[in-house]
Amino acid sequence: MSPEELREFCLSFNAAVEDFPFSPEISVFKVQGKLFALSWIDARPLKVNLKCDPEDAIRLRGEHPGLITPGYHMNKRHWNTVTVDGELPDRLVRELIEDSYDLVVAGLPRADRLRLDRA
């Protein structure tokens, strides 16, 4: 997955926006003001921080050592850093991004979730 494909996929979700609150090099993808992905888009290798269910986070780190690690500068229980350099299947990376988005949306107030469903 290229940086452009990562950006395009993150922005394909309802109400997803890209922001740069930390620096121009760090893309932050949000839904309703809540972060679901953070990436150093121009870094090599390409990496993205994604929210994850704590049990799944531990399992994924064990299954993909060195490619999925505890979230860099994030709550390590709920976030993973995923290396997107071609070693992980693109399908898995897309699933992890979608799971992150879904976890964030599930934590939104009911009214916000309903608005997203109608979008």
C-alpha atoms as a PDB file:
ATOM      1  CA  MET A   1       0.000   0.000   0.000  1.00  0.00           C
ATOM      2  CA  SER A   2       1.409   3.352  -1.016  1.00  0.00           C
ATOM      3  CA  PRO A   3       1.083   6.537   1.056  1.00  0.00           C
ATOM      4  CA  GLU A   4      -1.510   7.830  -1.412  1.00  0.00           C
ATOM      5  CA  GLU A   5      -3.528   4.610  -1.132  1.00  0.00           C
ATOM      6  CA  LEU A   6      -3.377   4.797   2.667  1.00  0.00           C
ATOM      7  CA  ARG A   7      -4.619   8.396   2.637  1.00  0.00           C
ATOM      8  CA  GLU A   8      -7.356   7.600   0.105  1.00  0.00           C
ATOM      9  CA  PHE A   9      -8.565   4.588   2.083  1.00  0.00           C
ATOM     10  CA  CYS A  10      -8.651   6.482   5.396  1.00  0.00           C
ATOM     11  CA  LEU A  11     -10.636   9.286   3.772  1.00  0.00           C
ATOM     12  CA  SER A  12     -13.131   6.856   2.180  1.00  0.00           C
ATOM     13  CA  PHE A  13     -15.055   6.411   5.451  1.00  0.00           C
ATOM     14  CA  ASN A  14     -18.120   8.501   6.306  1.00  0.00           C
ATOM     15  CA  ALA A  15     -17.152  11.916   7.705  1.00  0.00           C
ATOM     16  CA  ALA A  16     -13.425  11.075   7.755  1.00  0.00           C
ATOM     17  CA  VAL A  17     -11.100  14.072   7.525  1.00  0.00           C
ATOM     18  CA  GLU A  18      -7.349  14.572   7.448  1.00  0.00           C
ATOM     19  CA  ASP A  19      -5.772  17.077   9.810  1.00  0.00           C
ATOM     20  CA  PHE A  20      -2.215  18.131  10.694  1.00  0.00           C
ATOM     21  CA  PRO A  21      -2.361  19.238  14.352  1.00  0.00           C
ATOM     22  CA  PHE A  22       1.173  18.123  15.236  1.00  0.00           C
ATOM     23  CA  SER A  23       3.217  18.962  12.128  1.00  0.00           C
ATOM     24  CA  PRO A  24       2.849  18.941   8.332  1.00  0.00           C
ATOM     25  CA  GLU A  25       4.577  15.531   8.233  1.00  0.00           C
ATOM     26  CA  ILE A  26       2.026  13.767  10.432  1.00  0.00           C
ATOM     27  CA  SER A  27      -1.383  13.028   8.915  1.00  0.00           C
ATOM     28  CA  VAL A  28      -4.118  12.571  11.490  1.00  0.00           C
ATOM     29  CA  PHE A  29      -7.333  10.972  10.277  1.00  0.00           C
ATOM     30  CA  LYS A  30     -10.429  11.704  12.354  1.00  0.00           C
ATOM     31  CA  VAL A  31     -14.129  11.057  12.460  1.00  0.00           C
ATOM     32  CA  GLN A  32     -16.288  13.533  14.387  1.00  0.00           C
ATOM     33  CA  GLY A  33     -13.091  15.018  15.840  1.00  0.00           C
ATOM     34  CA  LYS A  34     -11.827  11.657  17.151  1.00  0.00           C
ATOM     35  CA  LEU A  35      -8.565  10.149  15.925  1.00  0.00           C
ATOM     36  CA  PHE A  36      -8.718   6.744  14.220  1.00  0.00           C
ATOM     37  CA  ALA A  37      -5.402   6.750  12.300  1.00  0.00           C
ATOM     38  CA  LEU A  38      -2.140   8.660  12.519  1.00  0.00           C
ATOM     39  CA  SER A  39       0.628   8.308   9.952  1.00  0.00           C
ATOM     40  CA  TRP A  40       3.995   9.707   9.020  1.00  0.00           C
ATOM     41  CA  ILE A  41       2.915   9.643   5.374  1.00  0.00           C
ATOM     42  CA  ASP A  42       6.348  10.441   3.926  1.00  0.00           C
ATOM     43  CA  ALA A  43       8.355   8.174   6.256  1.00  0.00           C
ATOM     44  CA  ARG A  44      10.050   5.044   4.982  1.00  0.00           C
ATOM     45  CA  PRO A  45       8.950   2.528   5.903  1.00  0.00           C
ATOM     46  CA  LEU A  46       5.393   3.819   5.938  1.00  0.00           C
ATOM     47  CA  LYS A  47       3.772   3.370   9.371  1.00  0.00           C
ATOM     48  CA  VAL A  48       0.315   4.051  10.750  1.00  0.00           C
ATOM     49  CA  ASN A  49      -1.007   4.073  14.320  1.00  0.00           C
ATOM     50  CA  LEU A  50      -4.402   2.391  14.613  1.00  0.00           C
ATOM     51  CA  LYS A  51      -6.839   1.878  17.460  1.00  0.00           C
ATOM     52  CA  CYS A  52      -7.356  -1.782  18.324  1.00  0.00           C
ATOM     53  CA  ASP A  53      -9.266  -3.937  20.784  1.00  0.00           C
ATOM     54  CA  PRO A  54      -6.746  -4.714  23.570  1.00  0.00           C
ATOM     55  CA  GLU A  55      -6.959  -8.507  23.152  1.00  0.00           C
ATOM     56  CA  ASP A  56      -6.660  -8.260  19.373  1.00  0.00           C
ATOM     57  CA  ALA A  57      -3.732  -5.852  19.760  1.00  0.00           C
ATOM     58  CA  ILE A  58      -1.729  -8.421  21.718  1.00  0.00           C
ATOM     59  CA  ARG A  59      -2.658 -11.249  19.318  1.00  0.00           C
ATOM     60  CA  LEU A  60      -1.697  -9.212  16.241  1.00  0.00           C
ATOM     61  CA  ARG A  61       1.656  -8.223  17.759  1.00  0.00           C
ATOM     62  CA  GLY A  62       2.388 -11.912  18.385  1.00  0.00           C
ATOM     63  CA  GLU A  63       1.349 -12.966  14.890  1.00  0.00           C
ATOM     64  CA  HIS A  64       3.311 -10.192  13.147  1.00  0.00           C
ATOM     65  CA  PRO A  65       6.369  -9.377  15.287  1.00  0.00           C
ATOM     66  CA  GLY A  66       8.213  -6.281  14.161  1.00  0.00           C
ATOM     67  CA  LEU A  67       5.437  -5.320  11.742  1.00  0.00           C
ATOM     68  CA  ILE A  68       2.707  -4.673  14.323  1.00  0.00           C
ATOM     69  CA  THR A  69       4.038  -3.164  17.532  1.00  0.00           C
ATOM     70  CA  PRO A  70       2.619  -1.262  20.525  1.00  0.00           C
ATOM     71  CA  GLY A  71       1.428   2.178  19.434  1.00  0.00           C
ATOM     72  CA  TYR A  72       4.267   4.687  19.174  1.00  0.00           C
ATOM     73  CA  HIS A  73       3.519   7.626  21.520  1.00  0.00           C
ATOM     74  CA  MET A  74       0.029   6.195  22.130  1.00  0.00           C
ATOM     75  CA  ASN A  75      -1.763   4.183  24.810  1.00  0.00           C
ATOM     76  CA  LYS A  76      -0.059   0.850  24.163  1.00  0.00           C
ATOM     77  CA  ARG A  77      -3.077  -1.111  25.368  1.00  0.00           C
ATOM     78  CA  HIS A  78      -5.413   0.350  22.744  1.00  0.00           C
ATOM     79  CA  TRP A  79      -3.126   1.340  19.860  1.00  0.00           C
ATOM     80  CA  ASN A  80      -0.799  -0.497  17.491  1.00  0.00           C
ATOM     81  CA  THR A  81       1.776   0.854  15.073  1.00  0.00           C
ATOM     82  CA  VAL A  82       1.500  -1.016  11.783  1.00  0.00           C
ATOM     83  CA  THR A  83       4.386  -1.049   9.300  1.00  0.00           C
ATOM     84  CA  VAL A  84       2.973  -0.764   5.794  1.00  0.00           C
ATOM     85  CA  ASP A  85       5.958  -1.825   3.699  1.00  0.00           C
ATOM     86  CA  GLY A  86       4.443  -4.667   1.688  1.00  0.00           C
ATOM     87  CA  GLU A  87       5.218  -7.482   4.132  1.00  0.00           C
ATOM     88  CA  LEU A  88       1.671  -7.405   5.538  1.00  0.00           C
ATOM     89  CA  PRO A  89      -1.080  -8.097   3.008  1.00  0.00           C
ATOM     90  CA  ASP A  90      -2.894  -4.907   1.925  1.00  0.00           C
ATOM     91  CA  ARG A  91      -6.151  -6.671   2.780  1.00  0.00           C
ATOM     92  CA  LEU A  92      -5.041  -7.012   6.430  1.00  0.00           C
ATOM     93  CA  VAL A  93      -3.939  -3.367   6.581  1.00  0.00           C
ATOM     94  CA  ARG A  94      -7.324  -2.261   5.208  1.00  0.00           C
ATOM     95  CA  GLU A  95      -9.129  -4.448   7.774  1.00  0.00           C
ATOM     96  CA  LEU A  96      -7.081  -2.945  10.605  1.00  0.00           C
ATOM     97  CA  ILE A  97      -7.855   0.596   9.428  1.00  0.00           C
ATOM     98  CA  GLU A  98     -11.553  -0.227   9.135  1.00  0.00           C
ATOM     99  CA  ASP A  99     -11.552  -1.819  12.604  1.00  0.00           C
ATOM    100  CA  SER A 100      -9.916   1.310  14.028  1.00  0.00           C
ATOM    101  CA  TYR A 101     -12.552   3.537  12.402  1.00  0.00           C
ATOM    102  CA  ASP A 102     -15.363   1.268  13.649  1.00  0.00           C
ATOM    103  CA  LEU A 103     -14.009   1.276  17.227  1.00  0.00           C
ATOM    104  CA  VAL A 104     -13.899   5.066  17.265  1.00  0.00           C
ATOM    105  CA  VAL A 105     -17.392   5.372  15.783  1.00  0.00           C
ATOM    106  CA  ALA A 106     -18.737   2.880  18.352  1.00  0.00           C
ATOM    107  CA  GLY A 107     -17.483   5.208  21.107  1.00  0.00           C
ATOM    108  CA  LEU A 108     -19.282   8.269  19.712  1.00  0.00           C
ATOM    109  CA  PRO A 109     -22.530   9.526  21.208  1.00  0.00           C
ATOM    110  CA  ARG A 110     -25.603   7.833  19.749  1.00  0.00           C
ATOM    111  CA  ALA A 111     -26.752  10.973  17.915  1.00  0.00           C
ATOM    112  CA  ASP A 112     -23.394  11.257  16.140  1.00  0.00           C
ATOM    113  CA  ARG A 113     -23.480   7.580  15.161  1.00  0.00           C
ATOM    114  CA  LEU A 114     -26.978   8.006  13.722  1.00  0.00           C
ATOM    115  CA  ARG A 115     -25.860  11.046  11.682  1.00  0.00           C
ATOM    116  CA  LEU A 116     -22.970   8.975  10.276  1.00  0.00           C
ATOM    117  CA  ASP A 117     -25.349   6.158   9.330  1.00  0.00           C
ATOM    118  CA  ARG A 118     -27.432   8.625   7.286  1.00  0.00           C
ATOM    119  CA  ALA A 119     -24.407  10.141   5.508  1.00  0.00           C
END
